[in-house]
Amino acid sequence: MENGIITIATLTYSRALLIQSRLESEGIGCFLSNKNLIQADVSAGVEVRVAEKDAEKALYIVDEMKDAFGTGKQKTVERLKSVRRILVPVDFSDTSINACYYAIGLAQKLKAEVKLLYAYFNPVMTAEPYDETSTYQIGLERLVFNLENEAKKQIEDLIKELKSRIKKEGLKPIKITYELDRGVPDDAILDYCKEYKPGMIVIGSSGMGGKIGDIIGSVTKRVIRKATVPVLAVPGKSKYSGVKYGGNVLYATNFDDLDYQSIRMLLSYVKPFQMKIHVVHITEDAEKPLVKAKMEELKRYFAAENEEHKMIFYIDEHEDVLAGLDEYIEDTGINLLALTTHKRGMIERLFNPSLARQMLFHSNVPLLVFHS
C-alpha cells in the first residue's frame, strides 16, 4: 500500500473510465494507473485506485456497476458445464479403488457415468539390424500380450466389485466402462481426456506404496497442472464412507475476480450434496479495512445470487496460509478443500512432502481443483 492508496478493481480502460466517473460523482477521489498511453482505447488491466478510507464505499459502487457490465448478479444464468462423465484413473491399489468409490458417490447424485482408465506398462521395443533380436522381439510381444490380458481381467473384476457394492448399498445402477492404454500414466490420462471429454477427473493421490506411490503422487500433480476439467484428488487416508450430506467445503480466497466464477462453479457441484461452503481468507492482518470490505463484497454478492444455499465467509489471522487453513479445517470439520489453478503457489506447497507431513488435512481431506 502506498500513502494509503489502494487498488479496488482491474478493468479494461473504457470500463475503468465509467467507474472513475461514477466514483467521482459520489465524491470519492479516484485515479487510474497502468494505462496504455499510446492506445488508451484498447488498454486492458487498468487499475482503479482510491484512498483506503473510501475503499468500502467504493467497492459497493464497483459491485453495482459490475451488474451493468454483465459480470455481476445479472449473470446468474451463466451455464456451467454439467458433469455427466467422470474419469477415474486406476492402478488397482487401495487408494485408486477408494477413488472409485468417491466417483460412484458423485455419479449417483450428478446422474453421471464413470469411465475407468488403466495405463499399464509398455516395454520399449526397438528394432536392431541383427537376426538374434527376433527372439527378443517375440518375447516382448508375448509380454505385452500377457500384460494386456491381465490388465483387462483386473479392470473387469474391479467393475464387477464396484457394481456389486452399488447393489449391496441399494444404490441406483450407473454406467461403468473402462479403457486400457499402454504408456505413461499422466500422458495417457491427459490424452484420453481429449477423446472422452469428462466433466471431472477423480484420482487417488498415492498408489501402491514406496517408489510407486511417489510416481502416482507426481502423476496426480501433473494431471492437476495440465487438465482442463476439475480434478478431485483423494488422499490415501481419506476413506470413503458414503456421500456426505450437510458436510463442509472450504474455498480459499485471495479476493481476485476469478473467485466469483470459481465459487459459482463450486456451488453447482456441491448443491446436490447439501454441503456448506466456507469462503475463507487467511491473512497476517485481519483488521485491514480493505480486507474486511472485500469479504463483505463477496458475502453481499452471493447472498443475493444464491439465497437458498448457506455460506460462511470468514477472515482468519495467521502468519502462514497453509497452517491457517490446517487449523480452520481441523476446528470446523471440513470435508473438502477447493482451490483454483491460478493459486499455483498454494497447490505446489500442498504437494511439497516436507510441508505435507505437517498438514493434518493433506492426508485425509480430498482436494478439488478448478480450472478457471
Protein backbone atom coordinates (compact mmCIF):
# COMPACT_ATOMS: atom_id res chain seq x y z
CA MET A 1 0.00 0.00 0.00
CA GLU A 2 1.42 3.48 -0.94
CA ASN A 3 0.33 6.56 1.08
CA GLY A 4 -2.97 4.90 1.89
CA ILE A 5 -3.87 4.40 -1.79
CA ILE A 6 -5.25 1.00 -2.83
CA THR A 7 -6.47 -0.77 -5.97
CA ILE A 8 -10.16 -1.74 -5.86
CA ALA A 9 -10.60 -3.12 -9.40
CA THR A 10 -8.65 -4.01 -12.54
CA LEU A 11 -10.64 -3.45 -15.73
CA THR A 12 -10.46 -2.51 -19.39
CA TYR A 13 -9.77 1.17 -19.95
CA SER A 14 -13.33 2.01 -21.07
CA ARG A 15 -14.90 0.35 -18.03
CA ALA A 16 -12.35 1.89 -15.70
CA LEU A 17 -13.35 5.33 -17.04
CA LEU A 18 -17.01 4.60 -16.27
CA ILE A 19 -16.11 3.50 -12.75
CA GLN A 20 -13.95 6.60 -12.25
CA SER A 21 -16.75 8.88 -13.41
CA ARG A 22 -19.28 7.24 -11.08
CA LEU A 23 -16.94 7.34 -8.07
CA GLU A 24 -16.09 11.00 -8.60
CA SER A 25 -19.80 11.85 -8.91
CA GLU A 26 -20.22 10.28 -5.45
CA GLY A 27 -17.46 12.49 -4.05
CA ILE A 28 -14.81 9.74 -3.99
CA GLY A 29 -11.39 10.73 -5.28
CA CYS A 30 -10.15 8.22 -7.86
CA PHE A 31 -7.36 7.81 -10.37
CA LEU A 32 -6.35 5.20 -12.92
CA SER A 33 -2.96 3.54 -13.31
CA ASN A 34 -1.32 1.08 -15.72
CA LYS A 35 -2.95 2.77 -18.73
CA ASN A 36 -1.74 2.20 -22.28
CA LEU A 37 -0.89 5.79 -23.13
CA ILE A 38 -0.32 5.00 -26.81
CA GLN A 39 -3.56 3.09 -27.38
CA ALA A 40 -5.67 4.01 -24.38
CA ASP A 41 -8.88 2.94 -26.07
CA VAL A 42 -7.77 -0.72 -26.15
CA SER A 43 -5.83 -0.83 -22.88
CA ALA A 44 -6.67 -3.67 -20.50
CA GLY A 45 -5.62 -4.29 -16.93
CA VAL A 46 -6.20 -0.66 -15.88
CA GLU A 47 -6.18 -0.28 -12.10
CA VAL A 48 -8.85 1.80 -10.37
CA ARG A 49 -7.29 3.31 -7.23
CA VAL A 50 -8.81 5.17 -4.28
CA ALA A 51 -7.85 6.24 -0.78
CA GLU A 52 -8.08 3.41 1.75
CA LYS A 53 -10.62 5.34 3.81
CA ASP A 54 -13.01 5.30 0.82
CA ALA A 55 -12.48 1.61 -0.01
CA GLU A 56 -15.67 0.17 1.46
CA LYS A 57 -17.99 2.73 -0.15
CA ALA A 58 -16.12 2.48 -3.44
CA LEU A 59 -16.40 -1.31 -3.51
CA TYR A 60 -20.19 -1.07 -3.12
CA ILE A 61 -20.33 1.15 -6.18
CA VAL A 62 -17.99 -1.09 -8.19
CA ASP A 63 -20.15 -4.09 -7.29
CA GLU A 64 -23.27 -2.31 -8.55
CA MET A 65 -21.60 -1.32 -11.81
CA LYS A 66 -20.40 -4.85 -12.48
CA ASP A 67 -24.06 -5.75 -12.88
CA ALA A 68 -24.33 -3.26 -15.72
CA PHE A 69 -21.22 -4.75 -17.32
CA GLY A 70 -22.81 -8.22 -17.25
CA THR A 71 -20.23 -9.64 -14.83
CA GLY A 72 -22.23 -9.48 -11.62
CA LYS A 73 -25.53 -10.71 -10.25
CA GLN A 74 -27.35 -10.48 -13.57
CA LYS A 75 -25.14 -13.24 -14.87
CA THR A 76 -26.54 -15.92 -12.61
CA VAL A 77 -27.99 -17.66 -15.67
CA GLU A 78 -24.46 -18.49 -16.84
CA ARG A 79 -24.50 -22.11 -17.97
CA LEU A 80 -21.88 -24.19 -16.22
CA LYS A 81 -20.80 -27.39 -17.86
CA SER A 82 -22.67 -30.29 -16.29
CA VAL A 83 -20.74 -33.28 -15.01
CA ARG A 84 -22.13 -36.20 -16.99
CA ARG A 85 -18.87 -38.13 -17.37
CA ILE A 86 -16.36 -38.91 -14.61
CA LEU A 87 -12.92 -40.27 -15.48
CA VAL A 88 -11.14 -42.36 -12.84
CA PRO A 89 -7.50 -43.39 -13.45
CA VAL A 90 -6.79 -46.67 -11.61
CA ASP A 91 -3.78 -48.80 -10.72
CA PHE A 92 -5.73 -51.34 -8.57
CA SER A 93 -4.19 -50.03 -5.36
CA ASP A 94 -6.45 -49.45 -2.34
CA THR A 95 -6.09 -45.72 -2.96
CA SER A 96 -7.31 -45.83 -6.54
CA ILE A 97 -10.17 -48.19 -5.63
CA ASN A 98 -11.16 -45.78 -2.86
CA ALA A 99 -11.19 -43.02 -5.50
CA CYS A 100 -13.60 -45.21 -7.50
CA TYR A 101 -15.97 -45.23 -4.51
CA TYR A 102 -15.89 -41.43 -4.41
CA ALA A 103 -16.58 -41.32 -8.17
CA ILE A 104 -19.58 -43.65 -7.76
CA GLY A 105 -20.99 -41.44 -4.99
CA LEU A 106 -20.60 -38.38 -7.22
CA ALA A 107 -22.10 -40.18 -10.21
CA GLN A 108 -25.17 -41.17 -8.19
CA LYS A 109 -26.04 -37.58 -7.33
CA LEU A 110 -24.91 -35.98 -10.60
CA LYS A 111 -26.52 -38.66 -12.77
CA ALA A 112 -23.20 -39.27 -14.47
CA GLU A 113 -21.40 -42.26 -15.95
CA VAL A 114 -17.98 -43.47 -14.81
CA LYS A 115 -15.04 -44.44 -17.02
CA LEU A 116 -12.07 -46.30 -15.50
CA LEU A 117 -8.72 -45.76 -17.21
CA TYR A 118 -5.70 -48.00 -16.67
CA ALA A 119 -2.36 -47.23 -18.30
CA TYR A 120 -0.21 -50.32 -17.93
CA PHE A 121 3.49 -50.87 -18.52
CA ASN A 122 4.62 -50.58 -22.13
CA PRO A 123 8.09 -52.06 -22.77
CA VAL A 124 10.26 -50.11 -25.17
CA MET A 125 10.54 -52.19 -28.34
CA THR A 126 13.48 -51.39 -30.56
CA ALA A 127 14.44 -52.88 -33.92
CA GLU A 128 18.11 -53.83 -34.21
CA PRO A 129 19.75 -54.91 -37.51
CA TYR A 130 20.70 -58.33 -36.17
CA ASP A 131 18.94 -61.67 -36.62
CA GLU A 132 19.35 -62.65 -32.98
CA THR A 133 17.00 -59.84 -31.93
CA SER A 134 13.98 -61.64 -33.42
CA THR A 135 13.67 -63.95 -30.42
CA TYR A 136 13.88 -60.91 -28.13
CA GLN A 137 11.17 -59.13 -30.09
CA ILE A 138 8.86 -62.14 -29.96
CA GLY A 139 9.43 -62.36 -26.21
CA LEU A 140 8.46 -58.71 -25.80
CA GLU A 141 5.36 -59.15 -27.92
CA ARG A 142 4.26 -62.05 -25.74
CA LEU A 143 4.94 -60.00 -22.63
CA VAL A 144 2.82 -57.14 -23.95
CA PHE A 145 0.03 -59.55 -24.88
CA ASN A 146 0.07 -61.11 -21.41
CA LEU A 147 0.12 -57.70 -19.74
CA GLU A 148 -2.85 -56.55 -21.78
CA ASN A 149 -4.86 -59.68 -20.92
CA GLU A 150 -4.01 -59.37 -17.25
CA ALA A 151 -4.95 -55.66 -17.27
CA LYS A 152 -8.27 -56.47 -18.93
CA LYS A 153 -9.05 -59.15 -16.34
CA GLN A 154 -8.14 -56.89 -13.43
CA ILE A 155 -10.24 -53.96 -14.60
CA GLU A 156 -13.25 -56.15 -15.43
CA ASP A 157 -13.02 -57.72 -11.97
CA LEU A 158 -12.88 -54.24 -10.46
CA ILE A 159 -16.02 -53.16 -12.31
CA LYS A 160 -17.82 -56.29 -11.06
CA GLU A 161 -16.77 -55.45 -7.50
CA LEU A 162 -17.98 -51.84 -7.87
CA LYS A 163 -21.34 -52.90 -9.30
CA SER A 164 -21.71 -55.44 -6.51
CA ARG A 165 -21.08 -52.70 -3.96
CA ILE A 166 -23.65 -50.45 -5.63
CA LYS A 167 -26.25 -53.21 -5.47
CA LYS A 168 -25.37 -54.11 -1.88
CA GLU A 169 -25.82 -50.49 -0.77
CA GLY A 170 -29.16 -50.25 -2.56
CA LEU A 171 -27.98 -47.52 -4.92
CA LYS A 172 -29.26 -46.92 -8.42
CA PRO A 173 -27.24 -48.65 -11.15
CA ILE A 174 -24.81 -46.42 -13.00
CA LYS A 175 -22.92 -46.93 -16.23
CA ILE A 176 -19.31 -48.04 -15.60
CA THR A 177 -16.99 -48.73 -18.52
CA TYR A 178 -13.23 -48.89 -18.95
CA GLU A 179 -10.36 -48.05 -21.26
CA LEU A 180 -6.90 -49.63 -21.38
CA ASP A 181 -3.84 -47.78 -22.59
CA ARG A 182 -0.18 -48.64 -22.91
CA GLY A 183 2.05 -45.79 -21.91
CA VAL A 184 2.97 -43.19 -19.30
CA PRO A 185 0.03 -42.68 -16.88
CA ASP A 186 -0.22 -38.88 -16.90
CA ASP A 187 0.15 -38.68 -20.69
CA ALA A 188 -2.50 -41.39 -21.10
CA ILE A 189 -4.89 -39.56 -18.75
CA LEU A 190 -4.48 -36.18 -20.43
CA ASP A 191 -4.65 -37.61 -23.96
CA TYR A 192 -7.76 -39.64 -23.19
CA CYS A 193 -9.48 -36.58 -21.73
CA LYS A 194 -9.40 -35.04 -25.21
CA GLU A 195 -11.34 -38.01 -26.57
CA TYR A 196 -13.68 -38.80 -23.67
CA LYS A 197 -14.29 -35.18 -22.58
CA PRO A 198 -15.13 -35.86 -18.91
CA GLY A 199 -16.71 -33.25 -16.67
CA MET A 200 -14.40 -34.27 -13.82
CA ILE A 201 -11.36 -36.43 -13.05
CA VAL A 202 -11.31 -38.34 -9.75
CA ILE A 203 -7.85 -39.65 -8.90
CA GLY A 204 -6.12 -41.15 -5.86
CA SER A 205 -3.15 -39.08 -4.67
CA SER A 206 -0.99 -42.05 -3.69
CA GLY A 207 -0.52 -45.54 -5.05
CA MET A 208 0.78 -48.95 -4.04
CA GLY A 209 3.45 -47.56 -1.73
CA GLY A 210 7.19 -46.95 -1.89
CA LYS A 211 8.53 -45.71 -5.20
CA ILE A 212 5.25 -46.50 -6.95
CA GLY A 213 3.48 -44.21 -4.50
CA ASP A 214 5.92 -41.42 -5.38
CA ILE A 215 5.18 -41.94 -9.09
CA ILE A 216 1.42 -41.87 -8.56
CA GLY A 217 1.76 -38.73 -6.45
CA SER A 218 3.66 -36.96 -9.19
CA VAL A 219 1.09 -38.14 -11.75
CA THR A 220 -1.68 -36.54 -9.69
CA LYS A 221 0.24 -33.28 -9.53
CA ARG A 222 0.88 -33.22 -13.29
CA VAL A 223 -2.77 -34.01 -14.04
CA ILE A 224 -3.87 -31.14 -11.79
CA ARG A 225 -1.45 -28.81 -13.56
CA LYS A 226 -2.44 -29.71 -17.11
CA ALA A 227 -6.03 -30.96 -17.12
CA THR A 228 -8.72 -28.62 -18.41
CA VAL A 229 -11.50 -30.02 -16.20
CA PRO A 230 -11.91 -30.11 -12.40
CA VAL A 231 -9.76 -32.71 -10.63
CA LEU A 232 -10.74 -34.35 -7.33
CA ALA A 233 -7.57 -35.70 -5.69
CA VAL A 234 -8.42 -38.24 -2.98
CA PRO A 235 -5.67 -38.91 -0.39
CA GLY A 236 -4.94 -42.50 0.53
CA LYS A 237 -6.16 -42.00 4.13
CA SER A 238 -9.42 -40.37 3.05
CA LYS A 239 -11.61 -43.44 3.33
CA TYR A 240 -14.93 -43.23 1.53
CA SER A 241 -17.89 -43.69 3.87
CA GLY A 242 -20.82 -42.75 1.67
CA VAL A 243 -22.00 -39.48 0.19
CA LYS A 244 -21.91 -36.89 2.97
CA TYR A 245 -24.93 -34.65 3.39
CA GLY A 246 -24.57 -31.44 5.35
CA GLY A 247 -20.78 -31.59 5.00
CA ASN A 248 -18.38 -28.66 4.74
CA VAL A 249 -16.23 -27.48 1.85
CA LEU A 250 -13.58 -24.80 2.20
CA TYR A 251 -12.75 -22.38 -0.60
CA ALA A 252 -9.61 -20.31 -0.01
CA THR A 253 -9.95 -16.82 -1.47
CA ASN A 254 -7.48 -14.05 -2.22
CA PHE A 255 -10.25 -11.71 -3.45
CA ASP A 256 -9.42 -11.80 -7.14
CA ASP A 257 -12.04 -11.54 -9.90
CA LEU A 258 -11.79 -15.25 -10.78
CA ASP A 259 -13.11 -16.15 -7.33
CA TYR A 260 -16.64 -15.17 -8.37
CA GLN A 261 -16.62 -17.58 -11.31
CA SER A 262 -14.95 -20.33 -9.31
CA ILE A 263 -17.35 -20.11 -6.36
CA ARG A 264 -20.34 -20.19 -8.72
CA MET A 265 -18.89 -23.32 -10.30
CA LEU A 266 -18.24 -24.84 -6.88
CA LEU A 267 -21.85 -24.17 -5.90
CA SER A 268 -23.06 -26.13 -8.92
CA TYR A 269 -21.09 -29.17 -7.75
CA VAL A 270 -21.94 -29.14 -4.04
CA LYS A 271 -25.64 -28.23 -4.25
CA PRO A 272 -26.73 -31.86 -4.81
CA PHE A 273 -24.81 -32.84 -1.66
CA GLN A 274 -26.16 -30.03 0.53
CA MET A 275 -22.65 -29.05 1.56
CA LYS A 276 -21.97 -25.80 3.35
CA ILE A 277 -19.35 -23.61 1.68
CA HIS A 278 -16.79 -21.82 3.85
CA VAL A 279 -15.16 -18.95 1.95
CA VAL A 280 -12.01 -18.25 3.96
CA HIS A 281 -9.24 -15.69 3.61
CA ILE A 282 -6.04 -16.19 5.63
CA THR A 283 -4.05 -13.01 6.27
CA GLU A 284 -1.46 -11.60 8.64
CA ASP A 285 -3.68 -8.58 9.33
CA ALA A 286 -7.38 -9.42 9.56
CA GLU A 287 -8.25 -5.89 10.71
CA LYS A 288 -7.30 -4.11 7.48
CA PRO A 289 -10.30 -2.13 6.18
CA LEU A 290 -9.70 -3.33 2.61
CA VAL A 291 -9.70 -6.99 3.68
CA LYS A 292 -12.98 -6.56 5.51
CA ALA A 293 -14.52 -4.61 2.65
CA LYS A 294 -13.60 -7.22 0.06
CA MET A 295 -15.01 -10.04 2.18
CA GLU A 296 -18.22 -8.06 2.66
CA GLU A 297 -18.40 -7.59 -1.10
CA LEU A 298 -18.17 -11.36 -1.65
CA LYS A 299 -20.74 -12.01 1.07
CA ARG A 300 -23.16 -9.43 -0.33
CA TYR A 301 -22.81 -10.76 -3.88
CA PHE A 302 -23.54 -14.41 -3.03
CA ALA A 303 -26.26 -13.55 -0.51
CA ALA A 304 -28.27 -12.05 -3.38
CA GLU A 305 -27.21 -14.57 -6.02
CA ASN A 306 -27.66 -17.74 -4.01
CA GLU A 307 -30.12 -17.14 -1.21
CA GLU A 308 -31.06 -20.82 -0.76
CA HIS A 309 -27.54 -22.09 -0.09
CA LYS A 310 -25.89 -21.40 3.25
CA MET A 311 -22.39 -19.95 3.01
CA ILE A 312 -19.91 -18.85 5.66
CA PHE A 313 -17.46 -16.00 5.00
CA TYR A 314 -14.55 -15.86 7.39
CA ILE A 315 -11.29 -13.92 7.76
CA ASP A 316 -8.66 -15.76 9.78
CA GLU A 317 -5.48 -14.14 11.02
CA HIS A 318 -2.37 -16.27 10.65
CA GLU A 319 1.22 -15.74 9.52
CA ASP A 320 1.20 -18.80 7.26
CA VAL A 321 -1.67 -19.54 4.85
CA LEU A 322 -1.37 -23.33 4.90
CA ALA A 323 -1.01 -23.51 8.65
CA GLY A 324 -4.05 -21.26 9.00
CA LEU A 325 -6.05 -23.48 6.65
CA ASP A 326 -4.92 -26.55 8.58
CA GLU A 327 -6.22 -25.13 11.86
CA TYR A 328 -9.50 -23.98 10.31
CA ILE A 329 -10.10 -27.37 8.67
CA GLU A 330 -9.45 -29.21 11.92
CA ASP A 331 -11.61 -26.86 14.01
CA THR A 332 -14.64 -26.80 11.68
CA GLY A 333 -14.69 -30.36 10.32
CA ILE A 334 -14.06 -29.54 6.67
CA ASN A 335 -14.71 -32.50 4.32
CA LEU A 336 -13.32 -30.99 1.13
CA LEU A 337 -10.74 -28.33 0.24
CA ALA A 338 -11.35 -26.43 -3.01
CA LEU A 339 -8.79 -24.35 -4.90
CA THR A 340 -8.40 -22.92 -8.39
CA THR A 341 -5.39 -23.44 -10.62
CA HIS A 342 -4.50 -19.76 -10.59
CA LYS A 343 -3.47 -20.35 -6.96
CA ARG A 344 -0.50 -22.34 -8.22
CA GLY A 345 1.75 -21.40 -5.33
CA MET A 346 -0.62 -22.87 -2.76
CA ILE A 347 -1.11 -26.06 -4.80
CA GLU A 348 2.66 -26.52 -5.10
CA ARG A 349 3.01 -26.19 -1.34
CA LEU A 350 0.28 -28.77 -0.77
CA PHE A 351 2.31 -31.30 -2.76
CA ASN A 352 5.57 -30.45 -1.01
CA PRO A 353 6.44 -33.61 1.02
CA SER A 354 8.16 -31.73 3.86
CA LEU A 355 5.13 -29.47 4.31
CA ALA A 356 2.58 -32.21 3.71
CA ARG A 357 3.83 -34.14 6.73
CA GLN A 358 2.97 -31.12 8.88
CA MET A 359 -0.52 -30.67 7.45
CA LEU A 360 -3.24 -32.81 9.00
CA PHE A 361 -5.77 -32.10 6.24
CA HIS A 362 -3.36 -33.14 3.49
CA SER A 363 -3.63 -36.80 4.46
CA ASN A 364 -7.39 -37.13 4.91
CA VAL A 365 -9.28 -34.31 3.16
CA PRO A 366 -9.86 -34.56 -0.62
CA LEU A 367 -8.69 -31.66 -2.77
CA LEU A 368 -10.91 -30.33 -5.55
CA VAL A 369 -9.05 -28.16 -8.08
CA PHE A 370 -10.96 -25.94 -10.51
CA HIS A 371 -9.53 -24.70 -13.77
CA SER A 372 -10.56 -21.12 -14.28
